[in-house]
């Protein structure tokens, strides 16, 4: 199976909702840190990494996004399992 590459544009905002991360126009500076772009119900995209996920206002997520996150978690869990098995 080939990899799909998607390009998403992030849009800065004044920060809607308390504890919400600011949207970013770029990926995290630490190139070794995995990150995700999460589409929000208001049409904007949040770029976030690692521990920042606990700051997301879940009311801004639509159900399709939540389902895609569940699917991604399953795939990443399987990938981690393969990567940590002894050779």
PDB file of N, CA and C in Angstrom:
ATOM      1  N   UNK A   1       0.845  -1.190   0.000  1.00  0.00           N
ATOM      2  CA  UNK A   1       0.000   0.000   0.000  1.00  0.00           C
ATOM      3  C   UNK A   1       0.876   1.233   0.000  1.00  0.00           C
ATOM      4  N   UNK A   2       0.597   2.166  -0.883  1.00  0.00           N
ATOM      5  CA  UNK A   2       1.361   3.403  -0.962  1.00  0.00           C
ATOM      6  C   UNK A   2       0.949   4.373   0.119  1.00  0.00           C
ATOM      7  N   UNK A   3       1.839   5.261   0.434  1.00  0.00           N
ATOM      8  CA  UNK A   3       1.525   6.274   1.430  1.00  0.00           C
ATOM      9  C   UNK A   3       0.795   7.427   0.780  1.00  0.00           C
ATOM     10  N   UNK A   4      -0.238   7.897   1.443  1.00  0.00           N
ATOM     11  CA  UNK A   4      -0.925   9.080   0.960  1.00  0.00           C
ATOM     12  C   UNK A   4      -0.308  10.286   1.616  1.00  0.00           C
ATOM     13  N   UNK A   5      -0.065  11.315   0.831  1.00  0.00           N
ATOM     14  CA  UNK A   5       0.477  12.530   1.407  1.00  0.00           C
ATOM     15  C   UNK A   5      -0.580  13.610   1.271  1.00  0.00           C
ATOM     16  N   UNK A   6      -0.904  14.226   2.388  1.00  0.00           N
ATOM     17  CA  UNK A   6      -1.879  15.297   2.350  1.00  0.00           C
ATOM     18  C   UNK A   6      -1.220  16.580   2.792  1.00  0.00           C
ATOM     19  N   UNK A   7      -1.679  17.656   2.245  1.00  0.00           N
ATOM     20  CA  UNK A   7      -1.170  18.960   2.613  1.00  0.00           C
ATOM     21  C   UNK A   7      -2.315  19.727   3.239  1.00  0.00           C
ATOM     22  N   UNK A   8      -2.105  20.184   4.443  1.00  0.00           N
ATOM     23  CA  UNK A   8      -3.150  20.971   5.077  1.00  0.00           C
ATOM     24  C   UNK A   8      -2.566  22.305   5.498  1.00  0.00           C
ATOM     25  N   UNK A   9      -3.360  23.324   5.334  1.00  0.00           N
ATOM     26  CA  UNK A   9      -2.927  24.671   5.679  1.00  0.00           C
ATOM     27  C   UNK A   9      -3.472  24.998   7.056  1.00  0.00           C
ATOM     28  N   UNK A  10      -2.599  25.461   7.927  1.00  0.00           N
ATOM     29  CA  UNK A  10      -3.070  25.848   9.244  1.00  0.00           C
ATOM     30  C   UNK A  10      -3.317  27.346   9.257  1.00  0.00           C
ATOM     31  N   UNK A  11      -4.313  27.742  10.012  1.00  0.00           N
ATOM     32  CA  UNK A  11      -4.719  29.140  10.033  1.00  0.00           C
ATOM     33  C   UNK A  11      -4.574  29.670  11.452  1.00  0.00           C
ATOM     34  N   UNK A  12      -3.805  30.750  11.630  1.00  0.00           N
ATOM     35  CA  UNK A  12      -3.683  31.289  12.983  1.00  0.00           C
ATOM     36  C   UNK A  12      -5.000  31.925  13.432  1.00  0.00           C
ATOM     37  N   UNK A  13      -5.235  31.899  14.712  1.00  0.00           N
ATOM     38  CA  UNK A  13      -6.446  32.491  15.252  1.00  0.00           C
ATOM     39  C   UNK A  13      -6.100  33.175  16.563  1.00  0.00           C
ATOM     40  N   UNK A  14      -7.005  33.923  17.083  1.00  0.00           N
ATOM     41  CA  UNK A  14      -6.749  34.629  18.334  1.00  0.00           C
ATOM     42  C   UNK A  14      -6.844  33.694  19.526  1.00  0.00           C
ATOM     43  N   UNK A  15      -7.220  32.434  19.331  1.00  0.00           N
ATOM     44  CA  UNK A  15      -7.269  31.467  20.418  1.00  0.00           C
ATOM     45  C   UNK A  15      -8.652  31.358  21.007  1.00  0.00           C
ATOM     46  N   UNK A  16      -9.515  30.608  20.362  1.00  0.00           N
ATOM     47  CA  UNK A  16     -10.884  30.428  20.813  1.00  0.00           C
ATOM     48  C   UNK A  16     -10.931  29.349  21.884  1.00  0.00           C
ATOM     49  N   UNK A  17     -11.532  29.612  22.995  1.00  0.00           N
ATOM     50  CA  UNK A  17     -11.665  28.609  24.051  1.00  0.00           C
ATOM     51  C   UNK A  17     -10.495  28.633  25.005  1.00  0.00           C
ATOM     52  N   UNK A  18     -10.773  28.488  26.283  1.00  0.00           N
ATOM     53  CA  UNK A  18      -9.702  28.513  27.273  1.00  0.00           C
ATOM     54  C   UNK A  18      -8.866  27.249  27.186  1.00  0.00           C
ATOM     55  N   UNK A  19      -7.572  27.402  27.373  1.00  0.00           N
ATOM     56  CA  UNK A  19      -6.660  26.269  27.334  1.00  0.00           C
ATOM     57  C   UNK A  19      -6.396  25.766  25.925  1.00  0.00           C
ATOM     58  N   UNK A  20      -6.917  26.446  24.935  1.00  0.00           N
ATOM     59  CA  UNK A  20      -6.740  26.012  23.553  1.00  0.00           C
ATOM     60  C   UNK A  20      -5.372  26.452  23.061  1.00  0.00           C
ATOM     61  N   UNK A  21      -4.701  25.588  22.354  1.00  0.00           N
ATOM     62  CA  UNK A  21      -3.416  25.944  21.773  1.00  0.00           C
ATOM     63  C   UNK A  21      -3.623  26.886  20.604  1.00  0.00           C
ATOM     64  N   UNK A  22      -2.658  27.727  20.381  1.00  0.00           N
ATOM     65  CA  UNK A  22      -2.713  28.574  19.197  1.00  0.00           C
ATOM     66  C   UNK A  22      -2.447  27.730  17.970  1.00  0.00           C
ATOM     67  N   UNK A  23      -3.146  28.016  16.908  1.00  0.00           N
ATOM     68  CA  UNK A  23      -2.877  27.305  15.666  1.00  0.00           C
ATOM     69  C   UNK A  23      -1.554  27.801  15.122  1.00  0.00           C
ATOM     70  N   UNK A  24      -0.874  26.958  14.408  1.00  0.00           N
ATOM     71  CA  UNK A  24       0.456  27.282  13.926  1.00  0.00           C
ATOM     72  C   UNK A  24       0.522  27.143  12.421  1.00  0.00           C
ATOM     73  N   UNK A  25       1.401  27.926  11.793  1.00  0.00           N
ATOM     74  CA  UNK A  25       1.614  27.820  10.353  1.00  0.00           C
ATOM     75  C   UNK A  25       2.748  26.849  10.032  1.00  0.00           C
ATOM     76  N   UNK A  26       3.383  26.285  11.052  1.00  0.00           N
ATOM     77  CA  UNK A  26       4.538  25.429  10.791  1.00  0.00           C
ATOM     78  C   UNK A  26       4.525  24.208  11.692  1.00  0.00           C
ATOM     79  N   UNK A  27       5.391  23.271  11.349  1.00  0.00           N
ATOM     80  CA  UNK A  27       5.552  22.068  12.162  1.00  0.00           C
ATOM     81  C   UNK A  27       6.395  22.414  13.381  1.00  0.00           C
ATOM     82  N   UNK A  28       6.369  21.585  14.428  1.00  0.00           N
ATOM     83  CA  UNK A  28       7.210  21.855  15.603  1.00  0.00           C
ATOM     84  C   UNK A  28       8.679  21.969  15.226  1.00  0.00           C
ATOM     85  N   UNK A  29       9.414  22.773  15.960  1.00  0.00           N
ATOM     86  CA  UNK A  29      10.827  23.009  15.665  1.00  0.00           C
ATOM     87  C   UNK A  29      11.681  21.758  15.854  1.00  0.00           C
ATOM     88  N   UNK A  30      11.326  20.920  16.819  1.00  0.00           N
ATOM     89  CA  UNK A  30      12.063  19.690  17.053  1.00  0.00           C
ATOM     90  C   UNK A  30      11.684  18.681  15.973  1.00  0.00           C
ATOM     91  N   UNK A  31      12.580  18.487  15.010  1.00  0.00           N
ATOM     92  CA  UNK A  31      12.292  17.637  13.849  1.00  0.00           C
ATOM     93  C   UNK A  31      12.125  16.167  14.215  1.00  0.00           C
ATOM     94  N   UNK A  32      12.551  15.760  15.414  1.00  0.00           N
ATOM     95  CA  UNK A  32      12.420  14.358  15.805  1.00  0.00           C
ATOM     96  C   UNK A  32      11.094  14.083  16.502  1.00  0.00           C
ATOM     97  N   UNK A  33      10.332  15.116  16.813  1.00  0.00           N
ATOM     98  CA  UNK A  33       9.078  14.964  17.546  1.00  0.00           C
ATOM     99  C   UNK A  33       7.916  14.795  16.580  1.00  0.00           C
ATOM    100  N   UNK A  34       7.196  13.660  16.642  1.00  0.00           N
ATOM    101  CA  UNK A  34       6.038  13.479  15.763  1.00  0.00           C
ATOM    102  C   UNK A  34       4.959  14.523  16.076  1.00  0.00           C
ATOM    103  N   UNK A  35       4.221  14.912  15.050  1.00  0.00           N
ATOM    104  CA  UNK A  35       3.156  15.883  15.238  1.00  0.00           C
ATOM    105  C   UNK A  35       1.956  15.482  14.408  1.00  0.00           C
ATOM    106  N   UNK A  36       0.817  16.070  14.710  1.00  0.00           N
ATOM    107  CA  UNK A  36      -0.399  15.815  13.948  1.00  0.00           C
ATOM    108  C   UNK A  36      -1.072  17.129  13.607  1.00  0.00           C
ATOM    109  N   UNK A  37      -1.763  17.133  12.493  1.00  0.00           N
ATOM    110  CA  UNK A  37      -2.653  18.231  12.129  1.00  0.00           C
ATOM    111  C   UNK A  37      -4.066  17.720  12.364  1.00  0.00           C
ATOM    112  N   UNK A  38      -4.813  18.412  13.202  1.00  0.00           N
ATOM    113  CA  UNK A  38      -6.164  17.981  13.555  1.00  0.00           C
ATOM    114  C   UNK A  38      -7.165  18.995  13.013  1.00  0.00           C
ATOM    115  N   UNK A  39      -8.015  18.574  12.060  1.00  0.00           N
ATOM    116  CA  UNK A  39      -9.030  19.493  11.555  1.00  0.00           C
ATOM    117  C   UNK A  39     -10.086  19.738  12.627  1.00  0.00           C
ATOM    118  N   UNK A  40     -10.479  20.987  12.779  1.00  0.00           N
ATOM    119  CA  UNK A  40     -11.462  21.361  13.785  1.00  0.00           C
ATOM    120  C   UNK A  40     -12.810  21.647  13.144  1.00  0.00           C
ATOM    121  N   UNK A  41     -13.847  21.595  13.954  1.00  0.00           N
ATOM    122  CA  UNK A  41     -15.207  21.790  13.458  1.00  0.00           C
ATOM    123  C   UNK A  41     -15.416  23.185  12.875  1.00  0.00           C
ATOM    124  N   UNK A  42     -14.591  24.146  13.288  1.00  0.00           N
ATOM    125  CA  UNK A  42     -14.755  25.511  12.766  1.00  0.00           C
ATOM    126  C   UNK A  42     -14.032  25.722  11.441  1.00  0.00           C
ATOM    127  N   UNK A  43     -13.488  24.625  10.852  1.00  0.00           N
ATOM    128  CA  UNK A  43     -12.835  24.705   9.552  1.00  0.00           C
ATOM    129  C   UNK A  43     -11.351  25.010   9.626  1.00  0.00           C
ATOM    130  N   UNK A  44     -10.833  25.240  10.813  1.00  0.00           N
ATOM    131  CA  UNK A  44      -9.413  25.507  10.960  1.00  0.00           C
ATOM    132  C   UNK A  44      -8.694  24.215  11.311  1.00  0.00           C
ATOM    133  N   UNK A  45      -7.370  24.260  11.320  1.00  0.00           N
ATOM    134  CA  UNK A  45      -6.560  23.083  11.611  1.00  0.00           C
ATOM    135  C   UNK A  45      -5.602  23.400  12.742  1.00  0.00           C
ATOM    136  N   UNK A  46      -5.478  22.464  13.668  1.00  0.00           N
ATOM    137  CA  UNK A  46      -4.554  22.601  14.783  1.00  0.00           C
ATOM    138  C   UNK A  46      -3.350  21.715  14.527  1.00  0.00           C
ATOM    139  N   UNK A  47      -2.149  22.282  14.585  1.00  0.00           N
ATOM    140  CA  UNK A  47      -0.915  21.504  14.486  1.00  0.00           C
ATOM    141  C   UNK A  47      -0.387  21.343  15.899  1.00  0.00           C
ATOM    142  N   UNK A  48      -0.231  20.106  16.362  1.00  0.00           N
ATOM    143  CA  UNK A  48       0.177  19.882  17.740  1.00  0.00           C
ATOM    144  C   UNK A  48       1.080  18.658  17.847  1.00  0.00           C
ATOM    145  N   UNK A  49       1.793  18.561  18.971  1.00  0.00           N
ATOM    146  CA  UNK A  49       2.712  17.445  19.179  1.00  0.00           C
ATOM    147  C   UNK A  49       2.689  17.014  20.634  1.00  0.00           C
ATOM    148  N   UNK A  50       2.895  15.727  20.838  1.00  0.00           N
ATOM    149  CA  UNK A  50       3.107  15.167  22.167  1.00  0.00           C
ATOM    150  C   UNK A  50       2.122  15.599  23.229  1.00  0.00           C
ATOM    151  N   UNK A  51       2.671  16.067  24.354  1.00  0.00           N
ATOM    152  CA  UNK A  51       1.883  16.421  25.516  1.00  0.00           C
ATOM    153  C   UNK A  51       0.926  17.572  25.316  1.00  0.00           C
ATOM    154  N   UNK A  52       1.041  18.287  24.195  1.00  0.00           N
ATOM    155  CA  UNK A  52       0.129  19.402  23.938  1.00  0.00           C
ATOM    156  C   UNK A  52      -1.305  18.932  23.722  1.00  0.00           C
ATOM    157  N   UNK A  53      -1.491  17.657  23.455  1.00  0.00           N
ATOM    158  CA  UNK A  53      -2.821  17.155  23.130  1.00  0.00           C
ATOM    159  C   UNK A  53      -3.826  17.320  24.258  1.00  0.00           C
ATOM    160  N   UNK A  54      -3.368  17.353  25.498  1.00  0.00           N
ATOM    161  CA  UNK A  54      -4.314  17.489  26.610  1.00  0.00           C
ATOM    162  C   UNK A  54      -4.952  18.877  26.662  1.00  0.00           C
ATOM    163  N   UNK A  55      -4.434  19.838  25.909  1.00  0.00           N
ATOM    164  CA  UNK A  55      -4.983  21.199  25.896  1.00  0.00           C
ATOM    165  C   UNK A  55      -6.085  21.408  24.854  1.00  0.00           C
ATOM    166  N   UNK A  56      -6.372  20.407  24.050  1.00  0.00           N
ATOM    167  CA  UNK A  56      -7.348  20.578  22.978  1.00  0.00           C
ATOM    168  C   UNK A  56      -8.761  20.632  23.543  1.00  0.00           C
ATOM    169  N   UNK A  57      -9.508  21.619  23.123  1.00  0.00           N
ATOM    170  CA  UNK A  57     -10.914  21.741  23.492  1.00  0.00           C
ATOM    171  C   UNK A  57     -11.687  20.732  22.650  1.00  0.00           C
ATOM    172  N   UNK A  58     -12.117  19.632  23.253  1.00  0.00           N
ATOM    173  CA  UNK A  58     -12.748  18.554  22.497  1.00  0.00           C
ATOM    174  C   UNK A  58     -14.078  18.971  21.869  1.00  0.00           C
ATOM    175  N   UNK A  59     -14.657  20.053  22.319  1.00  0.00           N
ATOM    176  CA  UNK A  59     -15.891  20.541  21.697  1.00  0.00           C
ATOM    177  C   UNK A  59     -15.649  21.045  20.275  1.00  0.00           C
ATOM    178  N   UNK A  60     -14.376  21.296  19.930  1.00  0.00           N
ATOM    179  CA  UNK A  60     -14.053  21.743  18.578  1.00  0.00           C
ATOM    180  C   UNK A  60     -13.838  20.585  17.610  1.00  0.00           C
ATOM    181  N   UNK A  61     -13.917  19.335  18.108  1.00  0.00           N
ATOM    182  CA  UNK A  61     -13.745  18.167  17.240  1.00  0.00           C
ATOM    183  C   UNK A  61     -15.101  17.693  16.736  1.00  0.00           C
ATOM    184  N   UNK A  62     -15.188  17.370  15.443  1.00  0.00           N
ATOM    185  CA  UNK A  62     -16.423  16.766  14.957  1.00  0.00           C
ATOM    186  C   UNK A  62     -16.275  15.252  15.014  1.00  0.00           C
ATOM    187  N   UNK A  63     -17.373  14.529  14.882  1.00  0.00           N
ATOM    188  CA  UNK A  63     -17.353  13.073  15.052  1.00  0.00           C
ATOM    189  C   UNK A  63     -16.503  12.364  14.001  1.00  0.00           C
ATOM    190  N   UNK A  64     -16.462  12.872  12.776  1.00  0.00           N
ATOM    191  CA  UNK A  64     -15.601  12.261  11.756  1.00  0.00           C
ATOM    192  C   UNK A  64     -14.135  12.334  12.181  1.00  0.00           C
ATOM    193  N   UNK A  65     -13.743  13.479  12.719  1.00  0.00           N
ATOM    194  CA  UNK A  65     -12.368  13.640  13.174  1.00  0.00           C
ATOM    195  C   UNK A  65     -12.063  12.673  14.304  1.00  0.00           C
ATOM    196  N   UNK A  66     -12.972  12.523  15.244  1.00  0.00           N
ATOM    197  CA  UNK A  66     -12.775  11.603  16.359  1.00  0.00           C
ATOM    198  C   UNK A  66     -12.599  10.174  15.848  1.00  0.00           C
ATOM    199  N   UNK A  67     -13.417   9.757  14.872  1.00  0.00           N
ATOM    200  CA  UNK A  67     -13.293   8.415  14.308  1.00  0.00           C
ATOM    201  C   UNK A  67     -11.947   8.231  13.609  1.00  0.00           C
ATOM    202  N   UNK A  68     -11.502   9.244  12.879  1.00  0.00           N
ATOM    203  CA  UNK A  68     -10.198   9.164  12.207  1.00  0.00           C
ATOM    204  C   UNK A  68      -9.066   9.072  13.236  1.00  0.00           C
ATOM    205  N   UNK A  69      -9.199   9.781  14.355  1.00  0.00           N
ATOM    206  CA  UNK A  69      -8.192   9.703  15.407  1.00  0.00           C
ATOM    207  C   UNK A  69      -8.153   8.287  15.984  1.00  0.00           C
ATOM    208  N   UNK A  70      -9.325   7.676  16.221  1.00  0.00           N
ATOM    209  CA  UNK A  70      -9.363   6.293  16.710  1.00  0.00           C
ATOM    210  C   UNK A  70      -8.651   5.355  15.740  1.00  0.00           C
ATOM    211  N   UNK A  71      -8.915   5.515  14.445  1.00  0.00           N
ATOM    212  CA  UNK A  71      -8.265   4.673  13.437  1.00  0.00           C
ATOM    213  C   UNK A  71      -6.751   4.878  13.442  1.00  0.00           C
ATOM    214  N   UNK A  72      -6.325   6.131  13.547  1.00  0.00           N
ATOM    215  CA  UNK A  72      -4.898   6.436  13.565  1.00  0.00           C
ATOM    216  C   UNK A  72      -4.229   5.840  14.795  1.00  0.00           C
ATOM    217  N   UNK A  73      -4.880   5.910  15.939  1.00  0.00           N
ATOM    218  CA  UNK A  73      -4.339   5.319  17.167  1.00  0.00           C
ATOM    219  C   UNK A  73      -4.106   3.825  16.963  1.00  0.00           C
ATOM    220  N   UNK A  74      -5.066   3.137  16.363  1.00  0.00           N
ATOM    221  CA  UNK A  74      -4.914   1.696  16.120  1.00  0.00           C
ATOM    222  C   UNK A  74      -3.721   1.415  15.217  1.00  0.00           C
ATOM    223  N   UNK A  75      -3.586   2.188  14.154  1.00  0.00           N
ATOM    224  CA  UNK A  75      -2.482   1.984  13.224  1.00  0.00           C
ATOM    225  C   UNK A  75      -1.139   2.308  13.867  1.00  0.00           C
ATOM    226  N   UNK A  76      -1.081   3.372  14.655  1.00  0.00           N
ATOM    227  CA  UNK A  76       0.165   3.728  15.328  1.00  0.00           C
ATOM    228  C   UNK A  76       0.536   2.704  16.398  1.00  0.00           C
ATOM    229  N   UNK A  77      -0.463   2.160  17.089  1.00  0.00           N
ATOM    230  CA  UNK A  77      -0.202   1.123  18.081  1.00  0.00           C
ATOM    231  C   UNK A  77       0.406  -0.105  17.406  1.00  0.00           C
ATOM    232  N   UNK A  78      -0.144  -0.498  16.261  1.00  0.00           N
ATOM    233  CA  UNK A  78       0.402  -1.630  15.514  1.00  0.00           C
ATOM    234  C   UNK A  78       1.826  -1.342  15.045  1.00  0.00           C
ATOM    235  N   UNK A  79       2.076  -0.124  14.582  1.00  0.00           N
ATOM    236  CA  UNK A  79       3.411   0.264  14.130  1.00  0.00           C
ATOM    237  C   UNK A  79       4.410   0.207  15.277  1.00  0.00           C
ATOM    238  N   UNK A  80       4.026   0.717  16.442  1.00  0.00           N
ATOM    239  CA  UNK A  80       4.903   0.663  17.613  1.00  0.00           C
ATOM    240  C   UNK A  80       5.192  -0.775  18.015  1.00  0.00           C
ATOM    241  N   UNK A  81       4.176  -1.629  17.929  1.00  0.00           N
ATOM    242  CA  UNK A  81       4.368  -3.039  18.242  1.00  0.00           C
ATOM    243  C   UNK A  81       5.390  -3.689  17.332  1.00  0.00           C
ATOM    244  N   UNK A  82       5.316  -3.393  16.042  1.00  0.00           N
ATOM    245  CA  UNK A  82       6.287  -3.944  15.078  1.00  0.00           C
ATOM    246  C   UNK A  82       7.684  -3.401  15.347  1.00  0.00           C
ATOM    247  N   UNK A  83       7.756  -2.120  15.700  1.00  0.00           N
ATOM    248  CA  UNK A  83       9.058  -1.476  15.886  1.00  0.00           C
ATOM    249  C   UNK A  83       9.752  -1.922  17.168  1.00  0.00           C
ATOM    250  N   UNK A  84       9.001  -2.411  18.142  1.00  0.00           N
ATOM    251  CA  UNK A  84       9.603  -2.794  19.425  1.00  0.00           C
ATOM    252  C   UNK A  84       9.821  -4.293  19.568  1.00  0.00           C
ATOM    253  N   UNK A  85       9.392  -5.094  18.592  1.00  0.00           N
ATOM    254  CA  UNK A  85       9.615  -6.536  18.644  1.00  0.00           C
ATOM    255  C   UNK A  85      11.095  -6.814  18.387  1.00  0.00           C
ATOM    256  N   UNK A  86      11.668  -7.762  19.150  1.00  0.00           N
ATOM    257  CA  UNK A  86      13.076  -8.125  18.908  1.00  0.00           C
ATOM    258  C   UNK A  86      13.227  -8.773  17.530  1.00  0.00           C
ATOM    259  N   UNK A  87      14.330  -8.502  16.893  1.00  0.00           N
ATOM    260  CA  UNK A  87      14.580  -9.028  15.532  1.00  0.00           C
ATOM    261  C   UNK A  87      14.969 -10.482  15.569  1.00  0.00           C
TER     262      UNK A  87
END
